[in-house]
N, C-alpha and C. Protein backbone atom coordinates (compact mmCIF):
# COMPACT_ATOMS: atom_id res chain seq x y z
N MET A 1 148.98 -23.92 143.72
CA MET A 1 149.35 -25.25 144.18
C MET A 1 149.90 -25.19 145.60
N ARG A 2 150.76 -24.22 145.85
CA ARG A 2 151.37 -24.06 147.17
C ARG A 2 150.30 -23.82 148.24
N LYS A 3 149.32 -22.98 147.90
CA LYS A 3 148.24 -22.69 148.84
C LYS A 3 147.47 -23.97 149.18
N ILE A 4 147.23 -24.80 148.18
CA ILE A 4 146.50 -26.05 148.40
C ILE A 4 147.29 -26.98 149.32
N VAL A 5 148.59 -27.08 149.10
CA VAL A 5 149.44 -27.94 149.95
C VAL A 5 149.42 -27.43 151.39
N PHE A 6 149.55 -26.12 151.56
CA PHE A 6 149.54 -25.55 152.92
C PHE A 6 148.18 -25.78 153.59
N LEU A 7 147.10 -25.62 152.85
CA LEU A 7 145.77 -25.86 153.42
C LEU A 7 145.59 -27.33 153.76
N LEU A 8 146.08 -28.21 152.91
CA LEU A 8 146.00 -29.64 153.18
C LEU A 8 146.77 -29.99 154.46
N LEU A 9 147.96 -29.43 154.61
CA LEU A 9 148.75 -29.69 155.82
C LEU A 9 148.07 -29.07 157.05
N ALA A 10 147.44 -27.93 156.89
CA ALA A 10 146.69 -27.34 158.00
C ALA A 10 145.57 -28.29 158.43
N LEU A 11 144.89 -28.88 157.46
CA LEU A 11 143.82 -29.84 157.77
C LEU A 11 144.38 -31.11 158.43
N VAL A 12 145.51 -31.59 157.95
CA VAL A 12 146.13 -32.79 158.52
C VAL A 12 146.50 -32.54 159.98
N PHE A 13 147.15 -31.41 160.25
CA PHE A 13 147.55 -31.14 161.64
C PHE A 13 146.34 -30.80 162.51
N GLY A 14 145.30 -30.23 161.90
CA GLY A 14 144.05 -30.03 162.64
C GLY A 14 143.44 -31.38 163.02
N ALA A 15 143.51 -32.35 162.11
CA ALA A 15 143.02 -33.70 162.41
C ALA A 15 143.87 -34.34 163.50
N PHE A 16 145.18 -34.15 163.44
CA PHE A 16 146.06 -34.67 164.51
C PHE A 16 145.63 -34.10 165.86
N ALA A 17 145.37 -32.80 165.89
CA ALA A 17 144.95 -32.15 167.14
C ALA A 17 143.64 -32.77 167.64
N TYR A 18 142.69 -32.93 166.73
CA TYR A 18 141.40 -33.51 167.10
C TYR A 18 141.55 -34.94 167.64
N LEU A 19 142.40 -35.72 167.01
CA LEU A 19 142.59 -37.11 167.44
C LEU A 19 143.26 -37.21 168.81
N ASN A 20 143.88 -36.14 169.26
CA ASN A 20 144.56 -36.16 170.55
C ASN A 20 143.71 -35.60 171.68
N VAL A 21 142.46 -35.26 171.40
CA VAL A 21 141.58 -34.74 172.44
C VAL A 21 141.40 -35.76 173.56
N ASN A 22 141.35 -37.05 173.22
CA ASN A 22 141.15 -38.10 174.22
C ASN A 22 142.46 -38.68 174.75
N ASP A 23 143.59 -38.06 174.43
CA ASP A 23 144.89 -38.52 174.91
C ASP A 23 144.97 -38.32 176.43
N PRO A 24 145.79 -39.10 177.12
CA PRO A 24 145.95 -38.89 178.57
C PRO A 24 146.47 -37.48 178.92
N ASP A 25 147.23 -36.88 178.03
CA ASP A 25 147.71 -35.50 178.25
C ASP A 25 147.35 -34.65 177.03
N PRO A 26 146.04 -34.37 176.86
CA PRO A 26 145.58 -33.72 175.63
C PRO A 26 146.04 -32.29 175.44
N LEU A 27 146.16 -31.54 176.50
CA LEU A 27 146.46 -30.12 176.37
C LEU A 27 147.73 -29.87 175.57
N ILE A 28 148.78 -30.57 175.91
CA ILE A 28 150.06 -30.34 175.24
C ILE A 28 150.03 -30.79 173.78
N TRP A 29 149.38 -31.93 173.49
CA TRP A 29 149.38 -32.45 172.13
C TRP A 29 148.41 -31.70 171.23
N VAL A 30 147.24 -31.38 171.74
CA VAL A 30 146.28 -30.60 170.95
C VAL A 30 146.87 -29.22 170.64
N THR A 31 147.51 -28.61 171.63
CA THR A 31 148.13 -27.30 171.41
C THR A 31 149.24 -27.38 170.38
N ALA A 32 150.09 -28.41 170.48
CA ALA A 32 151.22 -28.54 169.55
C ALA A 32 150.73 -28.71 168.11
N TYR A 33 149.78 -29.62 167.91
CA TYR A 33 149.31 -29.86 166.55
C TYR A 33 148.44 -28.71 166.04
N ALA A 34 147.66 -28.11 166.91
CA ALA A 34 146.82 -26.98 166.49
C ALA A 34 147.70 -25.79 166.10
N ALA A 35 148.76 -25.55 166.84
CA ALA A 35 149.67 -24.45 166.50
C ALA A 35 150.30 -24.67 165.13
N THR A 36 150.67 -25.90 164.86
CA THR A 36 151.24 -26.23 163.54
C THR A 36 150.19 -26.02 162.46
N ALA A 37 148.97 -26.44 162.71
CA ALA A 37 147.88 -26.25 161.75
C ALA A 37 147.65 -24.77 161.47
N VAL A 38 147.65 -23.96 162.51
CA VAL A 38 147.44 -22.52 162.35
C VAL A 38 148.55 -21.89 161.51
N LEU A 39 149.79 -22.29 161.76
CA LEU A 39 150.90 -21.74 160.98
C LEU A 39 150.77 -22.08 159.50
N PHE A 40 150.34 -23.29 159.20
CA PHE A 40 150.14 -23.66 157.79
C PHE A 40 148.95 -22.91 157.18
N ALA A 41 147.90 -22.71 157.96
CA ALA A 41 146.76 -21.95 157.46
C ALA A 41 147.17 -20.50 157.17
N PHE A 42 147.93 -19.90 158.08
CA PHE A 42 148.42 -18.54 157.84
C PHE A 42 149.28 -18.49 156.59
N ALA A 43 150.15 -19.46 156.43
CA ALA A 43 151.03 -19.50 155.27
C ALA A 43 150.22 -19.62 153.97
N ALA A 44 149.13 -20.38 154.01
CA ALA A 44 148.30 -20.56 152.82
C ALA A 44 147.73 -19.22 152.35
N PHE A 45 147.51 -18.32 153.28
CA PHE A 45 146.93 -17.02 152.93
C PHE A 45 147.97 -15.89 152.95
N GLY A 46 149.25 -16.29 152.86
CA GLY A 46 150.31 -15.30 152.75
C GLY A 46 150.62 -14.55 154.03
N ARG A 47 150.28 -15.11 155.16
CA ARG A 47 150.50 -14.45 156.45
C ARG A 47 151.52 -15.18 157.33
N ALA A 48 152.43 -15.89 156.71
CA ALA A 48 153.43 -16.66 157.46
C ALA A 48 154.43 -15.71 158.13
N ASP A 49 154.89 -16.09 159.28
CA ASP A 49 155.96 -15.38 159.96
C ASP A 49 157.10 -16.37 160.14
N ARG A 50 158.16 -16.14 159.40
CA ARG A 50 159.28 -17.09 159.37
C ARG A 50 159.90 -17.29 160.74
N ARG A 51 159.95 -16.24 161.54
CA ARG A 51 160.54 -16.36 162.88
C ARG A 51 159.75 -17.33 163.75
N ILE A 52 158.42 -17.18 163.75
CA ILE A 52 157.58 -18.04 164.57
C ILE A 52 157.69 -19.49 164.11
N VAL A 53 157.66 -19.70 162.79
CA VAL A 53 157.80 -21.05 162.25
C VAL A 53 159.14 -21.65 162.68
N GLY A 54 160.21 -20.86 162.58
CA GLY A 54 161.54 -21.35 162.96
C GLY A 54 161.65 -21.68 164.43
N TYR A 55 161.11 -20.80 165.28
CA TYR A 55 161.17 -21.05 166.73
C TYR A 55 160.37 -22.29 167.12
N LEU A 56 159.19 -22.44 166.51
CA LEU A 56 158.37 -23.60 166.84
C LEU A 56 159.04 -24.88 166.33
N CYS A 57 159.61 -24.82 165.15
CA CYS A 57 160.33 -25.98 164.61
C CYS A 57 161.48 -26.37 165.54
N LEU A 58 162.23 -25.40 165.99
CA LEU A 58 163.35 -25.67 166.91
C LEU A 58 162.85 -26.25 168.23
N ALA A 59 161.78 -25.69 168.77
CA ALA A 59 161.23 -26.19 170.04
C ALA A 59 160.76 -27.64 169.89
N TYR A 60 160.08 -27.93 168.79
CA TYR A 60 159.61 -29.29 168.56
C TYR A 60 160.78 -30.25 168.33
N PHE A 61 161.82 -29.76 167.67
CA PHE A 61 163.00 -30.60 167.46
C PHE A 61 163.64 -30.98 168.80
N ILE A 62 163.78 -30.00 169.68
CA ILE A 62 164.35 -30.27 171.01
C ILE A 62 163.45 -31.26 171.77
N TRP A 63 162.15 -31.04 171.69
CA TRP A 63 161.18 -31.93 172.34
C TRP A 63 161.32 -33.34 171.77
N THR A 64 161.47 -33.46 170.46
CA THR A 64 161.65 -34.76 169.82
C THR A 64 162.92 -35.45 170.34
N CYS A 65 163.98 -34.68 170.49
CA CYS A 65 165.25 -35.24 170.98
C CYS A 65 165.11 -35.80 172.39
N THR A 66 164.22 -35.22 173.20
CA THR A 66 164.04 -35.74 174.56
C THR A 66 163.41 -37.13 174.54
N MET A 67 162.82 -37.50 173.42
CA MET A 67 162.18 -38.81 173.31
C MET A 67 163.11 -39.87 172.71
N LEU A 68 164.30 -39.47 172.32
CA LEU A 68 165.23 -40.43 171.72
C LEU A 68 165.55 -41.63 172.61
N PRO A 69 165.72 -41.46 173.92
CA PRO A 69 165.98 -42.65 174.75
C PRO A 69 164.86 -43.69 174.65
N GLY A 70 163.61 -43.25 174.62
CA GLY A 70 162.49 -44.17 174.46
C GLY A 70 162.52 -44.88 173.11
N MET A 71 162.95 -44.15 172.08
CA MET A 71 163.07 -44.75 170.75
C MET A 71 164.19 -45.79 170.72
N VAL A 72 165.28 -45.49 171.40
CA VAL A 72 166.40 -46.44 171.47
C VAL A 72 165.96 -47.70 172.22
N ASP A 73 165.23 -47.52 173.31
CA ASP A 73 164.72 -48.67 174.05
C ASP A 73 163.80 -49.52 173.18
N TRP A 74 162.94 -48.86 172.42
CA TRP A 74 162.03 -49.57 171.51
C TRP A 74 162.82 -50.35 170.46
N TYR A 75 163.85 -49.73 169.93
CA TYR A 75 164.70 -50.39 168.94
C TYR A 75 165.38 -51.63 169.53
N HIS A 76 165.93 -51.47 170.73
CA HIS A 76 166.62 -52.60 171.38
C HIS A 76 165.65 -53.71 171.79
N ALA A 77 164.39 -53.37 171.94
CA ALA A 77 163.38 -54.39 172.27
C ALA A 77 162.91 -55.14 171.02
N GLY A 78 163.51 -54.84 169.89
CA GLY A 78 163.16 -55.53 168.65
C GLY A 78 162.07 -54.83 167.86
N MET A 79 161.83 -53.58 168.15
CA MET A 79 160.81 -52.76 167.48
C MET A 79 159.44 -53.44 167.46
N PRO A 80 158.89 -53.73 168.64
CA PRO A 80 157.56 -54.36 168.68
C PRO A 80 156.51 -53.44 168.07
N SER A 81 155.41 -54.02 167.66
CA SER A 81 154.33 -53.28 166.99
C SER A 81 153.83 -52.11 167.83
N ILE A 82 153.49 -51.05 167.14
CA ILE A 82 152.90 -49.88 167.81
C ILE A 82 151.44 -49.71 167.38
N THR A 83 150.90 -50.72 166.71
CA THR A 83 149.54 -50.61 166.19
C THR A 83 148.48 -51.15 167.14
N SER A 84 148.90 -51.80 168.21
CA SER A 84 147.91 -52.33 169.15
C SER A 84 147.46 -51.22 170.11
N GLU A 85 146.52 -51.55 170.95
CA GLU A 85 145.99 -50.59 171.92
C GLU A 85 147.05 -50.28 172.98
N MET A 86 147.09 -49.03 173.39
CA MET A 86 148.08 -48.64 174.40
C MET A 86 147.71 -49.24 175.76
N LYS A 87 148.72 -49.83 176.42
CA LYS A 87 148.54 -50.43 177.73
C LYS A 87 149.71 -50.02 178.60
N ALA A 88 149.50 -50.09 179.91
CA ALA A 88 150.58 -49.76 180.84
C ALA A 88 151.75 -50.72 180.68
N THR A 89 151.48 -51.93 180.23
CA THR A 89 152.55 -52.92 180.07
C THR A 89 153.35 -52.70 178.79
N GLU A 90 152.87 -51.83 177.92
CA GLU A 90 153.54 -51.55 176.65
C GLU A 90 153.73 -50.04 176.45
N PRO A 91 154.57 -49.41 177.30
CA PRO A 91 154.73 -47.95 177.21
C PRO A 91 155.40 -47.49 175.92
N HIS A 92 156.06 -48.41 175.22
CA HIS A 92 156.75 -48.04 173.98
C HIS A 92 155.77 -47.52 172.93
N ILE A 93 154.53 -47.97 172.97
CA ILE A 93 153.54 -47.57 171.96
C ILE A 93 153.34 -46.06 171.99
N GLU A 94 153.12 -45.52 173.17
CA GLU A 94 152.90 -44.08 173.28
C GLU A 94 154.14 -43.30 172.91
N VAL A 95 155.30 -43.72 173.39
CA VAL A 95 156.55 -43.01 173.10
C VAL A 95 156.83 -42.96 171.60
N VAL A 96 156.69 -44.10 170.94
CA VAL A 96 156.98 -44.15 169.51
C VAL A 96 155.98 -43.32 168.73
N ARG A 97 154.72 -43.41 169.06
CA ARG A 97 153.70 -42.62 168.36
C ARG A 97 153.93 -41.12 168.56
N GLU A 98 154.24 -40.73 169.78
CA GLU A 98 154.49 -39.30 170.05
C GLU A 98 155.74 -38.83 169.32
N PHE A 99 156.78 -39.65 169.34
CA PHE A 99 158.02 -39.29 168.64
C PHE A 99 157.75 -39.10 167.14
N LEU A 100 157.06 -40.05 166.55
CA LEU A 100 156.79 -39.98 165.10
C LEU A 100 155.89 -38.79 164.76
N GLY A 101 154.91 -38.50 165.60
CA GLY A 101 154.06 -37.34 165.37
C GLY A 101 154.85 -36.05 165.42
N LEU A 102 155.72 -35.94 166.40
CA LEU A 102 156.56 -34.74 166.50
C LEU A 102 157.54 -34.66 165.34
N LEU A 103 158.07 -35.79 164.94
CA LEU A 103 159.00 -35.79 163.81
C LEU A 103 158.30 -35.29 162.54
N ILE A 104 157.07 -35.72 162.33
CA ILE A 104 156.29 -35.23 161.18
C ILE A 104 156.11 -33.72 161.28
N ALA A 105 155.79 -33.23 162.49
CA ALA A 105 155.61 -31.79 162.68
C ALA A 105 156.92 -31.03 162.44
N VAL A 106 158.02 -31.56 162.94
CA VAL A 106 159.33 -30.91 162.75
C VAL A 106 159.68 -30.82 161.27
N LEU A 107 159.54 -31.93 160.57
CA LEU A 107 159.89 -31.94 159.14
C LEU A 107 158.97 -31.01 158.34
N SER A 108 157.70 -30.99 158.69
CA SER A 108 156.76 -30.12 158.00
C SER A 108 157.07 -28.65 158.28
N LEU A 109 157.33 -28.33 159.53
CA LEU A 109 157.66 -26.94 159.87
C LEU A 109 158.98 -26.51 159.25
N PHE A 110 159.93 -27.43 159.18
CA PHE A 110 161.20 -27.09 158.52
C PHE A 110 160.97 -26.77 157.05
N ALA A 111 160.12 -27.56 156.40
CA ALA A 111 159.79 -27.30 155.00
C ALA A 111 159.07 -25.96 154.86
N LEU A 112 158.18 -25.66 155.78
CA LEU A 112 157.48 -24.36 155.75
C LEU A 112 158.47 -23.22 155.96
N TYR A 113 159.39 -23.40 156.90
CA TYR A 113 160.42 -22.39 157.15
C TYR A 113 161.23 -22.14 155.88
N ALA A 114 161.64 -23.21 155.21
CA ALA A 114 162.42 -23.08 153.98
C ALA A 114 161.64 -22.42 152.86
N ALA A 115 160.33 -22.65 152.85
CA ALA A 115 159.48 -22.11 151.78
C ALA A 115 159.02 -20.68 152.04
N THR A 116 159.25 -20.20 153.25
CA THR A 116 158.79 -18.86 153.61
C THR A 116 159.91 -17.85 153.34
N PRO A 117 159.57 -16.74 152.67
CA PRO A 117 160.59 -15.72 152.40
C PRO A 117 161.21 -15.19 153.69
N ARG A 118 162.47 -14.82 153.60
CA ARG A 118 163.21 -14.35 154.78
C ARG A 118 162.57 -13.14 155.44
N ASP A 119 161.95 -12.30 154.67
CA ASP A 119 161.37 -11.09 155.23
C ASP A 119 159.89 -11.25 155.65
N ALA A 120 159.39 -12.47 155.64
CA ALA A 120 157.97 -12.70 156.00
C ALA A 120 157.80 -12.58 157.51
N ARG A 121 157.06 -11.53 157.89
CA ARG A 121 156.77 -11.28 159.30
C ARG A 121 155.33 -10.80 159.41
N MET A 122 154.70 -11.21 160.48
CA MET A 122 153.32 -10.75 160.72
C MET A 122 153.37 -9.39 161.40
N GLY A 123 152.33 -8.62 161.20
CA GLY A 123 152.18 -7.35 161.91
C GLY A 123 153.00 -6.31 161.37
């Protein structure tokens, strides 16, 4: 069951990476989601490295925190919809979507970190 969940999450984050290919800044987002997908794929086959998962989770958490001002601005603006097409006049859409995507990655990586044995190391 655990292997199936890890593989499913690897596929989900692989899909996230694919969907960001056409993003205005694809390199950073495709890399972030693809790295998460790879870590879940490794974990599915018993090759997880707890240190790498922890460091990536921490890095993404810090990155997520840098977006908090944009989230606060969105909240104070009355939380307008983020489902419409992104436009220069509505920068909150990109900020909120990026924040939520990173938050999903952080929570998923934290769960993977917790589920990985302390002595799990690659190589």
